[in-house]
Amino acid sequence: MIDGIEFIKAPGADVAADNSAIEAAVKEILGKVRQNGDEAIADFSQKFDGMVPDNLEVTTLEITEALADLDPQTRKDTEFAIEQVQNFAKAQLGTMTELDIETMPGVHLGHRIIPIQRVGAYVPGGRYPLLSAPIMTIVPAKIAGCDEVIACLPPTAHPAMIAGCQLAGADRIFRVGGAQAIAAMAFGTDTIPKVDKIFGPGNAYVNEAKRQVFGPVGIDQLAGPSEIFTVADSTGDAEMLATDMLAQAEHDIRTRVGLITSDRKLAEATVLEVEKQLKTLSTADVAGPAWRDFGQVVFCESEEKMIEYSDFIASEHLQVHTQDAQAMAKRLRNYGSLFIGQNASVVYSDKCCGTNHTLPTMAAGRYTGGLWVGAYVKTCTHQWLSEEGIRTMAPPAIRQSAAEGLEGHLRAAALRLERLQEG
């Protein structure tokens, strides 16, 4: 543990849990779907969702009805969010350029930006219709230029989620959830096509299924329970800090929420404010256990310790509520997405401002960022050599191959040089 910090409110439980039972259950699901396809999906849908849809694939008529039933204002807000995510994804894609350079006379190297051909978007059902979920996984795929986007959502999902998938740009939508959906997209069935890469968050079973299928099929990342931490000094607002923590805590009883501050009075006031707000929060049945078990408020003896502890946590969402938030932001390096200043609420990113809300958790922010349009493309290198390039590259390649005892490599390099010399 880092010296120079003190828990004003320590977490009551460790978010890491024994996953062996989930691993075994998921392995069985994957095996059966791989072997029995649609039949296994029907069995698991009945077992886990309590129903088997008449058709796995959502029909054109059903999509039309879902769109017609969508509240007009909800549709406008969804389309607004889609437009913002599109705009930012287009700007991100614009930073990725193809390359073709001559590194030495006759040696030409480069790379192309190639969209992944077919991708799968897992769209969680959840307790509420989370219309932002399909936007974050489907829209960047369309901007990246993927040929086909397959969306899977639980058969019990709200009809508005079908509308959300359609508005976001899904080419085909299927009613299958859980680990069986990941298996279907990874292996393919008679009804559901095999994809090249799977995107989207889900519960522990979905996460474990993504882990187990990774290799032959790509995945975006392994996402644990959501997280929000705030780095704050004496300028922090206890009411706002408590509100922001509880807003994220209502996602899941295992959500990690926290405050990292150099002001003891703010730390103590925020703890009291959380307890106060929980008394009137309609989602306190979820947010309360999250705060009790995984909430933490940490007092740090200096600004440097705040930064050190924040980088250690590497929170999925990291807010900066300090006197000079922009300056502080430049000193932080481990996080999923950064929210600079009190005006930048996580809820704006969660819903509609344009940055992606699919972010690294469980300290993965130490080595990766969140989902972005670049995750839907491949950067593939190429090279070509002129005769001058052969004269430069063949001799060291021959010597290195000989030193490594790789005669086949040596011959491949030498043959081209010999042909050149013969000519």
Protein backbone atom coordinates (compact mmCIF):
# COMPACT_ATOMS: atom_id res chain seq x y z
CA MET A 1 0.00 0.00 0.00
CA ILE A 2 1.10 3.58 -0.67
CA ASP A 3 2.49 5.55 2.27
CA GLY A 4 0.98 8.91 3.08
CA ILE A 5 -2.66 7.97 2.61
CA GLU A 6 -5.46 7.28 5.10
CA PHE A 7 -8.84 5.64 4.51
CA ILE A 8 -11.62 7.85 5.81
CA LYS A 9 -13.99 5.22 4.45
CA ALA A 10 -12.44 1.90 3.44
CA PRO A 11 -14.06 -0.62 1.07
CA GLY A 12 -15.84 -3.40 2.92
CA ALA A 13 -15.06 -6.11 0.39
CA ASP A 14 -12.56 -7.07 -2.29
CA VAL A 15 -13.97 -6.72 -5.81
CA ALA A 16 -11.86 -9.68 -6.94
CA ALA A 17 -13.78 -12.91 -6.46
CA ASP A 18 -13.34 -16.63 -7.02
CA ASN A 19 -14.32 -17.14 -10.64
CA SER A 20 -13.92 -20.91 -10.85
CA ALA A 21 -17.65 -21.72 -10.83
CA ILE A 22 -18.32 -19.17 -13.58
CA GLU A 23 -15.38 -20.48 -15.62
CA ALA A 24 -16.76 -24.02 -15.49
CA ALA A 25 -20.31 -22.98 -16.35
CA VAL A 26 -19.16 -20.87 -19.28
CA LYS A 27 -16.92 -23.62 -20.61
CA GLU A 28 -19.93 -25.94 -20.70
CA ILE A 29 -22.08 -23.34 -22.48
CA LEU A 30 -19.42 -22.66 -25.09
CA GLY A 31 -18.90 -26.35 -25.74
CA LYS A 32 -22.59 -27.07 -26.23
CA VAL A 33 -23.19 -24.10 -28.51
CA ARG A 34 -20.14 -25.02 -30.57
CA GLN A 35 -21.44 -28.57 -30.96
CA ASN A 36 -25.21 -28.07 -31.18
CA GLY A 37 -25.59 -24.49 -32.41
CA ASP A 38 -29.13 -23.11 -32.47
CA GLU A 39 -30.50 -26.05 -30.50
CA ALA A 40 -28.16 -25.29 -27.60
CA ILE A 41 -29.03 -21.59 -27.80
CA ALA A 42 -32.73 -22.46 -27.46
CA ASP A 43 -32.00 -24.64 -24.43
CA PHE A 44 -29.96 -21.93 -22.71
CA SER A 45 -32.51 -19.23 -23.56
CA GLN A 46 -35.18 -21.28 -21.83
CA LYS A 47 -32.91 -21.99 -18.87
CA PHE A 48 -31.55 -18.48 -18.28
CA ASP A 49 -34.17 -16.18 -19.82
CA GLY A 50 -37.29 -18.27 -19.28
CA MET A 51 -38.29 -18.08 -22.92
CA VAL A 52 -37.33 -19.15 -26.42
CA PRO A 53 -38.08 -16.60 -29.14
CA ASP A 54 -39.97 -17.82 -32.21
CA ASN A 55 -37.18 -16.45 -34.38
CA LEU A 56 -33.63 -15.84 -33.29
CA GLU A 57 -33.25 -13.04 -35.81
CA VAL A 58 -35.36 -9.93 -35.36
CA THR A 59 -37.51 -9.44 -38.44
CA THR A 60 -37.92 -6.29 -40.50
CA LEU A 61 -41.51 -6.01 -39.28
CA GLU A 62 -40.41 -6.24 -35.65
CA ILE A 63 -37.79 -3.55 -36.21
CA THR A 64 -40.41 -1.31 -37.81
CA GLU A 65 -42.74 -1.84 -34.87
CA ALA A 66 -39.99 -1.16 -32.35
CA LEU A 67 -39.15 2.11 -34.06
CA ALA A 68 -42.82 3.09 -34.23
CA ASP A 69 -43.30 2.39 -30.53
CA LEU A 70 -40.22 4.35 -29.48
CA ASP A 71 -41.12 7.55 -27.66
CA PRO A 72 -40.52 10.47 -30.09
CA GLN A 73 -38.36 12.42 -27.63
CA THR A 74 -36.38 9.30 -26.76
CA ARG A 75 -35.75 8.77 -30.46
CA LYS A 76 -34.58 12.37 -30.88
CA ASP A 77 -32.25 12.03 -27.90
CA THR A 78 -30.92 8.71 -29.22
CA GLU A 79 -30.27 10.21 -32.64
CA PHE A 80 -28.54 13.17 -30.98
CA ALA A 81 -26.24 10.80 -29.10
CA ILE A 82 -25.56 8.81 -32.27
CA GLU A 83 -24.57 11.99 -34.08
CA GLN A 84 -22.15 13.00 -31.33
CA VAL A 85 -20.49 9.57 -31.27
CA GLN A 86 -20.29 9.63 -35.08
CA ASN A 87 -18.63 13.04 -35.07
CA PHE A 88 -15.98 12.06 -32.56
CA ALA A 89 -15.33 8.67 -34.20
CA LYS A 90 -14.87 10.37 -37.58
CA ALA A 91 -12.39 12.79 -36.04
CA GLN A 92 -10.51 9.90 -34.42
CA LEU A 93 -10.40 7.98 -37.68
CA GLY A 94 -8.99 11.08 -39.34
CA THR A 95 -5.92 10.86 -37.11
CA MET A 96 -5.10 7.41 -38.50
CA THR A 97 -3.20 7.72 -41.75
CA GLU A 98 -1.83 5.19 -44.17
CA LEU A 99 1.94 5.12 -44.56
CA ASP A 100 4.37 4.45 -47.39
CA ILE A 101 8.00 5.45 -46.92
CA GLU A 102 11.41 4.58 -48.38
CA THR A 103 13.56 3.93 -45.31
CA MET A 104 16.69 3.23 -47.38
CA PRO A 105 17.26 3.41 -51.13
CA GLY A 106 15.12 0.67 -52.62
CA VAL A 107 13.47 -0.40 -49.34
CA HIS A 108 9.81 0.62 -49.24
CA LEU A 109 7.74 0.07 -46.08
CA GLY A 110 4.23 1.05 -45.16
CA HIS A 111 0.92 0.19 -43.59
CA ARG A 112 -2.75 0.23 -44.51
CA ILE A 113 -5.74 0.91 -42.27
CA ILE A 114 -8.15 -1.97 -43.00
CA PRO A 115 -11.63 -2.23 -41.43
CA ILE A 116 -12.47 -5.54 -39.76
CA GLN A 117 -14.90 -7.35 -42.04
CA ARG A 118 -17.61 -8.59 -39.66
CA VAL A 119 -17.97 -7.57 -36.03
CA GLY A 120 -20.35 -8.59 -33.27
CA ALA A 121 -21.86 -6.22 -30.75
CA TYR A 122 -23.10 -7.69 -27.49
CA VAL A 123 -25.87 -5.42 -26.21
CA PRO A 124 -26.73 -6.07 -22.54
CA GLY A 125 -30.35 -6.19 -21.45
CA GLY A 126 -29.98 -5.02 -17.87
CA ARG A 127 -32.70 -3.77 -15.56
CA TYR A 128 -33.40 -0.76 -17.77
CA PRO A 129 -33.36 -0.12 -21.55
CA LEU A 130 -29.83 1.27 -21.86
CA LEU A 131 -30.10 2.91 -25.27
CA SER A 132 -26.56 4.22 -25.04
CA ALA A 133 -25.15 0.66 -25.08
CA PRO A 134 -25.69 -0.16 -28.78
CA ILE A 135 -24.59 3.33 -29.78
CA MET A 136 -21.15 2.86 -28.24
CA THR A 137 -20.40 -0.49 -29.89
CA ILE A 138 -22.21 -0.23 -33.23
CA VAL A 139 -21.68 3.38 -34.35
CA PRO A 140 -17.84 3.29 -34.34
CA ALA A 141 -17.96 0.06 -36.38
CA LYS A 142 -19.97 1.77 -39.11
CA ILE A 143 -17.68 4.81 -39.09
CA ALA A 144 -14.64 2.51 -39.32
CA GLY A 145 -16.11 0.89 -42.43
CA CYS A 146 -16.79 -2.64 -41.17
CA ASP A 147 -18.75 -4.59 -43.77
CA GLU A 148 -21.27 -6.07 -41.37
CA VAL A 149 -22.31 -5.48 -37.77
CA ILE A 150 -24.14 -8.27 -35.94
CA ALA A 151 -25.97 -7.30 -32.75
CA CYS A 152 -27.03 -9.76 -30.06
CA LEU A 153 -29.27 -8.82 -27.16
CA PRO A 154 -31.15 -10.95 -24.61
CA PRO A 155 -34.61 -12.13 -25.69
CA THR A 156 -36.02 -10.37 -22.63
CA ALA A 157 -34.51 -7.01 -23.59
CA HIS A 158 -36.86 -4.04 -23.86
CA PRO A 159 -38.17 -3.50 -27.44
CA ALA A 160 -36.60 -0.05 -27.36
CA MET A 161 -33.22 -1.78 -27.45
CA ILE A 162 -34.10 -3.26 -30.84
CA ALA A 163 -34.87 0.25 -32.04
CA GLY A 164 -31.58 1.45 -30.56
CA CYS A 165 -29.61 -1.23 -32.41
CA GLN A 166 -31.32 -0.32 -35.67
CA LEU A 167 -30.78 3.41 -35.29
CA ALA A 168 -27.12 2.84 -34.40
CA GLY A 169 -26.62 0.94 -37.67
CA ALA A 170 -26.74 -2.80 -36.93
CA ASP A 171 -27.07 -4.88 -40.09
CA ARG A 172 -28.66 -7.87 -38.34
CA ILE A 173 -30.10 -8.21 -34.84
CA PHE A 174 -30.49 -11.48 -32.92
CA ARG A 175 -32.34 -12.36 -29.73
CA VAL A 176 -29.70 -14.24 -27.78
CA GLY A 177 -27.99 -13.16 -24.59
CA GLY A 178 -25.41 -14.25 -22.07
CA ALA A 179 -22.44 -16.50 -22.69
CA GLN A 180 -24.41 -18.32 -25.38
CA ALA A 181 -24.49 -15.13 -27.45
CA ILE A 182 -20.72 -14.84 -27.25
CA ALA A 183 -20.41 -18.50 -28.27
CA ALA A 184 -22.75 -18.00 -31.23
CA MET A 185 -20.78 -15.02 -32.52
CA ALA A 186 -17.44 -16.72 -31.91
CA PHE A 187 -18.25 -20.08 -33.53
CA GLY A 188 -21.25 -19.34 -35.74
CA THR A 189 -24.49 -21.35 -35.94
CA ASP A 190 -26.96 -22.13 -38.72
CA THR A 191 -28.68 -18.84 -37.95
CA ILE A 192 -26.04 -16.55 -36.46
CA PRO A 193 -22.90 -15.84 -38.52
CA LYS A 194 -19.40 -16.11 -37.09
CA VAL A 195 -17.78 -12.73 -36.52
CA ASP A 196 -14.16 -11.63 -36.54
CA LYS A 197 -14.23 -9.57 -33.35
CA ILE A 198 -16.69 -9.18 -30.47
CA PHE A 199 -17.43 -5.89 -28.72
CA GLY A 200 -19.55 -4.86 -25.78
CA PRO A 201 -19.82 -5.25 -22.00
CA GLY A 202 -21.93 -7.77 -20.11
CA ASN A 203 -22.20 -9.62 -16.84
CA ALA A 204 -19.56 -11.92 -15.36
CA TYR A 205 -20.64 -14.81 -17.62
CA VAL A 206 -20.39 -12.70 -20.75
CA ASN A 207 -17.00 -11.42 -19.67
CA GLU A 208 -15.72 -14.92 -18.99
CA ALA A 209 -17.08 -16.17 -22.31
CA LYS A 210 -15.18 -13.43 -24.12
CA ARG A 211 -12.02 -14.45 -22.30
CA GLN A 212 -12.42 -18.10 -23.24
CA VAL A 213 -13.16 -17.54 -26.96
CA PHE A 214 -10.36 -15.02 -27.46
CA GLY A 215 -7.81 -16.13 -30.01
CA PRO A 216 -9.68 -17.39 -33.06
CA VAL A 217 -11.98 -14.40 -32.55
CA GLY A 218 -10.94 -10.99 -31.27
CA ILE A 219 -12.45 -9.15 -28.31
CA ASP A 220 -12.44 -5.50 -27.35
CA GLN A 221 -11.52 -5.94 -23.68
CA LEU A 222 -12.50 -7.70 -20.47
CA ALA A 223 -14.69 -5.36 -18.47
CA GLY A 224 -15.36 -5.74 -14.77
CA PRO A 225 -17.84 -3.78 -12.63
CA SER A 226 -17.98 -0.06 -13.33
CA GLU A 227 -15.74 2.40 -11.47
CA ILE A 228 -15.65 6.11 -10.71
CA PHE A 229 -13.03 7.97 -8.69
CA THR A 230 -12.50 11.69 -8.25
CA VAL A 231 -9.28 13.51 -7.44
CA ALA A 232 -10.22 16.60 -5.45
CA ASP A 233 -8.62 19.31 -3.36
CA SER A 234 -10.26 21.79 -0.97
CA THR A 235 -12.25 23.31 -3.86
CA GLY A 236 -14.25 20.11 -4.17
CA ASP A 237 -18.01 20.10 -3.55
CA ALA A 238 -19.19 17.31 -1.22
CA GLU A 239 -22.74 17.29 -2.60
CA MET A 240 -21.51 16.99 -6.18
CA LEU A 241 -18.96 14.32 -5.30
CA ALA A 242 -21.55 12.23 -3.50
CA THR A 243 -24.04 12.65 -6.33
CA ASP A 244 -21.50 11.54 -8.92
CA MET A 245 -20.49 8.47 -6.93
CA LEU A 246 -24.07 7.35 -6.42
CA ALA A 247 -24.91 7.98 -10.08
CA GLN A 248 -22.33 5.37 -11.01
CA ALA A 249 -23.08 3.11 -8.05
CA GLU A 250 -26.63 2.52 -9.27
CA HIS A 251 -25.23 0.50 -12.19
CA ASP A 252 -24.38 -2.56 -10.11
CA ILE A 253 -23.94 -3.61 -6.49
CA ARG A 254 -20.26 -4.32 -7.30
CA THR A 255 -19.51 -0.84 -8.69
CA ARG A 256 -16.34 0.71 -7.26
CA VAL A 257 -16.74 4.36 -6.25
CA GLY A 258 -14.21 6.57 -4.55
CA LEU A 259 -12.83 9.96 -3.62
CA ILE A 260 -9.11 10.73 -3.47
CA THR A 261 -8.56 14.06 -1.74
CA SER A 262 -5.96 16.18 0.00
CA ASP A 263 -8.64 17.82 2.16
CA ARG A 264 -9.74 15.89 5.26
CA LYS A 265 -12.83 18.05 5.84
CA LEU A 266 -14.01 17.37 2.29
CA ALA A 267 -13.44 13.64 2.77
CA GLU A 268 -15.51 13.53 5.95
CA ALA A 269 -18.25 15.76 4.51
CA THR A 270 -18.54 13.59 1.41
CA VAL A 271 -19.05 10.42 3.47
CA LEU A 272 -21.89 12.11 5.36
CA GLU A 273 -23.37 13.44 2.12
CA VAL A 274 -23.44 9.99 0.52
CA GLU A 275 -25.31 8.56 3.49
CA LYS A 276 -27.75 11.48 3.35
CA GLN A 277 -28.48 11.10 -0.37
CA LEU A 278 -28.96 7.35 -0.11
CA LYS A 279 -32.02 7.95 2.08
CA THR A 280 -33.89 9.52 -0.84
CA LEU A 281 -32.33 7.76 -3.86
CA SER A 282 -34.80 5.46 -5.62
CA THR A 283 -32.00 3.14 -6.70
CA ALA A 284 -30.51 2.87 -3.21
CA ASP A 285 -31.11 -0.89 -3.23
CA VAL A 286 -28.24 -1.12 -5.72
CA ALA A 287 -26.20 2.00 -4.98
CA GLY A 288 -26.24 1.40 -1.22
CA PRO A 289 -24.54 -2.02 -1.27
CA ALA A 290 -22.03 -0.73 -3.83
CA TRP A 291 -21.10 2.14 -1.53
CA ARG A 292 -21.00 -0.08 1.55
CA ASP A 293 -18.89 -2.85 0.02
CA PHE A 294 -16.74 -1.09 -2.58
CA GLY A 295 -16.88 2.62 -1.79
CA GLN A 296 -13.76 4.31 -0.50
CA VAL A 297 -12.73 7.80 0.54
CA VAL A 298 -8.99 8.35 0.82
CA PHE A 299 -7.21 11.27 2.45
CA CYS A 300 -3.76 11.97 0.97
CA GLU A 301 -1.13 14.05 2.73
CA SER A 302 -0.05 15.81 -0.47
CA GLU A 303 -0.99 16.45 -4.08
CA GLU A 304 1.76 14.06 -5.16
CA LYS A 305 0.20 11.27 -3.07
CA MET A 306 -3.18 11.95 -4.66
CA ILE A 307 -1.64 11.46 -8.10
CA GLU A 308 0.26 8.37 -6.98
CA TYR A 309 -2.83 6.71 -5.52
CA SER A 310 -4.99 7.66 -8.49
CA ASP A 311 -2.48 6.12 -10.90
CA PHE A 312 -2.41 3.02 -8.71
CA ILE A 313 -6.21 2.65 -8.87
CA ALA A 314 -6.33 3.45 -12.63
CA SER A 315 -10.06 4.09 -12.44
CA GLU A 316 -12.39 3.49 -15.37
CA HIS A 317 -13.85 7.00 -14.96
CA LEU A 318 -11.58 9.57 -13.33
CA GLN A 319 -12.87 13.03 -12.45
CA VAL A 320 -10.61 15.97 -11.61
CA HIS A 321 -12.10 18.52 -9.19
CA THR A 322 -9.15 20.69 -8.27
CA GLN A 323 -8.39 24.40 -8.41
CA ASP A 324 -6.45 24.02 -11.67
CA ALA A 325 -8.07 20.94 -13.15
CA GLN A 326 -6.35 21.26 -16.53
CA ALA A 327 -2.90 21.33 -14.94
CA MET A 328 -3.74 18.38 -12.70
CA ALA A 329 -5.07 16.41 -15.66
CA LYS A 330 -1.71 16.61 -17.41
CA ARG A 331 -0.06 14.91 -14.41
CA LEU A 332 -2.39 11.90 -14.36
CA ARG A 333 -1.63 8.94 -16.59
CA ASN A 334 -3.64 5.85 -15.59
CA TYR A 335 -7.39 5.99 -16.27
CA GLY A 336 -10.03 4.89 -18.75
CA SER A 337 -11.46 8.32 -19.50
CA LEU A 338 -10.70 11.64 -17.81
CA PHE A 339 -13.34 14.20 -16.79
CA ILE A 340 -11.64 17.53 -16.30
CA GLY A 341 -13.33 20.07 -14.04
CA GLN A 342 -16.64 19.97 -12.18
CA ASN A 343 -18.68 20.61 -15.34
CA ALA A 344 -17.54 17.37 -16.97
CA SER A 345 -19.91 14.80 -15.52
CA VAL A 346 -19.47 11.12 -16.30
CA VAL A 347 -23.15 10.95 -17.22
CA TYR A 348 -22.52 13.09 -20.31
CA SER A 349 -20.01 10.57 -21.63
CA ASP A 350 -22.16 7.64 -20.55
CA LYS A 351 -25.02 8.91 -22.66
CA CYS A 352 -24.36 11.37 -25.40
CA CYS A 353 -21.34 13.71 -25.53
CA GLY A 354 -19.39 11.60 -28.02
CA THR A 355 -16.56 9.82 -26.22
CA ASN A 356 -17.04 6.08 -25.81
CA HIS A 357 -18.29 4.75 -22.48
CA THR A 358 -16.80 1.26 -22.95
CA LEU A 359 -13.69 1.65 -20.82
CA PRO A 360 -11.01 -0.43 -19.05
CA THR A 361 -11.70 -1.49 -15.46
CA MET A 362 -9.83 -3.38 -12.72
CA ALA A 363 -6.65 -1.29 -13.25
CA ALA A 364 -6.44 -2.15 -16.95
CA GLY A 365 -6.17 1.60 -17.50
CA ARG A 366 -2.48 1.14 -16.64
CA TYR A 367 -1.91 -0.40 -20.07
CA THR A 368 -4.86 0.38 -22.34
CA GLY A 369 -7.42 3.02 -23.13
CA GLY A 370 -11.11 2.62 -23.86
CA LEU A 371 -13.04 1.57 -26.92
CA TRP A 372 -12.51 3.80 -29.96
CA VAL A 373 -12.88 3.68 -33.71
CA GLY A 374 -9.32 2.32 -34.03
CA ALA A 375 -10.44 -0.92 -32.37
CA TYR A 376 -12.52 -1.70 -35.46
CA VAL A 377 -9.65 -1.53 -37.93
CA LYS A 378 -6.36 -3.33 -38.46
CA THR A 379 -3.09 -1.55 -39.11
CA CYS A 380 -1.35 -3.96 -41.45
CA THR A 381 2.18 -3.43 -42.69
CA HIS A 382 3.60 -4.10 -46.15
CA GLN A 383 6.98 -3.87 -47.86
CA TRP A 384 8.52 -4.04 -51.30
CA LEU A 385 12.15 -3.92 -52.43
CA SER A 386 13.83 -2.80 -55.60
CA GLU A 387 17.10 -4.34 -56.79
CA GLU A 388 18.94 -1.69 -54.80
CA GLY A 389 17.00 -2.73 -51.72
CA ILE A 390 18.02 -6.39 -52.20
CA ARG A 391 21.67 -5.39 -52.35
CA THR A 392 21.25 -3.58 -49.02
CA MET A 393 19.10 -6.10 -47.14
CA ALA A 394 20.30 -9.50 -48.37
CA PRO A 395 23.84 -9.56 -46.89
CA PRO A 396 22.86 -8.82 -43.25
CA ALA A 397 19.84 -11.15 -43.57
CA ILE A 398 22.13 -13.94 -44.80
CA ARG A 399 24.59 -13.38 -41.95
CA GLN A 400 21.86 -13.25 -39.29
CA SER A 401 20.25 -16.44 -40.63
CA ALA A 402 23.61 -18.23 -40.55
CA ALA A 403 24.26 -17.08 -36.99
CA GLU A 404 20.86 -18.46 -35.96
CA GLY A 405 21.35 -21.74 -37.76
CA LEU A 406 18.32 -21.17 -40.01
CA GLU A 407 19.48 -22.46 -43.38
CA GLY A 408 16.07 -22.04 -45.05
CA HIS A 409 16.06 -18.37 -44.16
CA LEU A 410 19.61 -18.02 -45.46
CA ARG A 411 18.68 -19.64 -48.79
CA ALA A 412 15.62 -17.41 -49.24
CA ALA A 413 17.71 -14.28 -48.81
CA ALA A 414 20.66 -15.58 -50.83
CA LEU A 415 18.57 -16.72 -53.81
CA ARG A 416 17.34 -13.23 -54.52
CA LEU A 417 20.84 -11.79 -54.30
CA GLU A 418 22.17 -14.55 -56.59
CA ARG A 419 19.45 -13.93 -59.18
CA LEU A 420 20.24 -10.25 -59.09
CA GLN A 421 23.95 -10.88 -59.57
CA GLU A 422 23.28 -13.35 -62.42
CA GLY A 423 21.16 -10.81 -64.18
